[in-house]
């Protein structure tokens, strides 16, 4: 579903951003 894809993309992006910040 598109909602699942959006959630997965957001989570992956947030995780990547957090790792970059840290």
Protein backbone atom coordinates (compact mmCIF):
# COMPACT_ATOMS: atom_id res chain seq x y z
CA UNK A 1 0.00 0.00 0.00
CA UNK A 2 1.09 3.60 -0.54
CA UNK A 3 0.65 4.35 3.16
CA UNK A 4 3.04 1.54 4.06
CA UNK A 5 5.57 2.74 1.48
CA UNK A 6 5.35 6.30 2.77
CA UNK A 7 5.77 5.13 6.35
CA UNK A 8 8.74 2.93 5.44
CA UNK A 9 10.36 5.76 3.46
CA UNK A 10 9.81 8.23 6.31
CA UNK A 11 11.22 5.84 8.90
CA UNK A 12 14.26 5.04 6.76
CA UNK A 13 14.84 8.75 6.07
CA UNK A 14 14.45 9.63 9.76
CA UNK A 15 16.85 6.85 10.74
CA UNK A 16 19.39 8.00 8.13
CA UNK A 17 19.04 11.63 9.27
CA UNK A 18 19.47 10.64 12.92
CA UNK A 19 22.60 8.64 12.08
CA UNK A 20 23.97 11.58 10.07
CA UNK A 21 23.26 14.02 12.91
CA UNK A 22 24.89 11.72 15.43
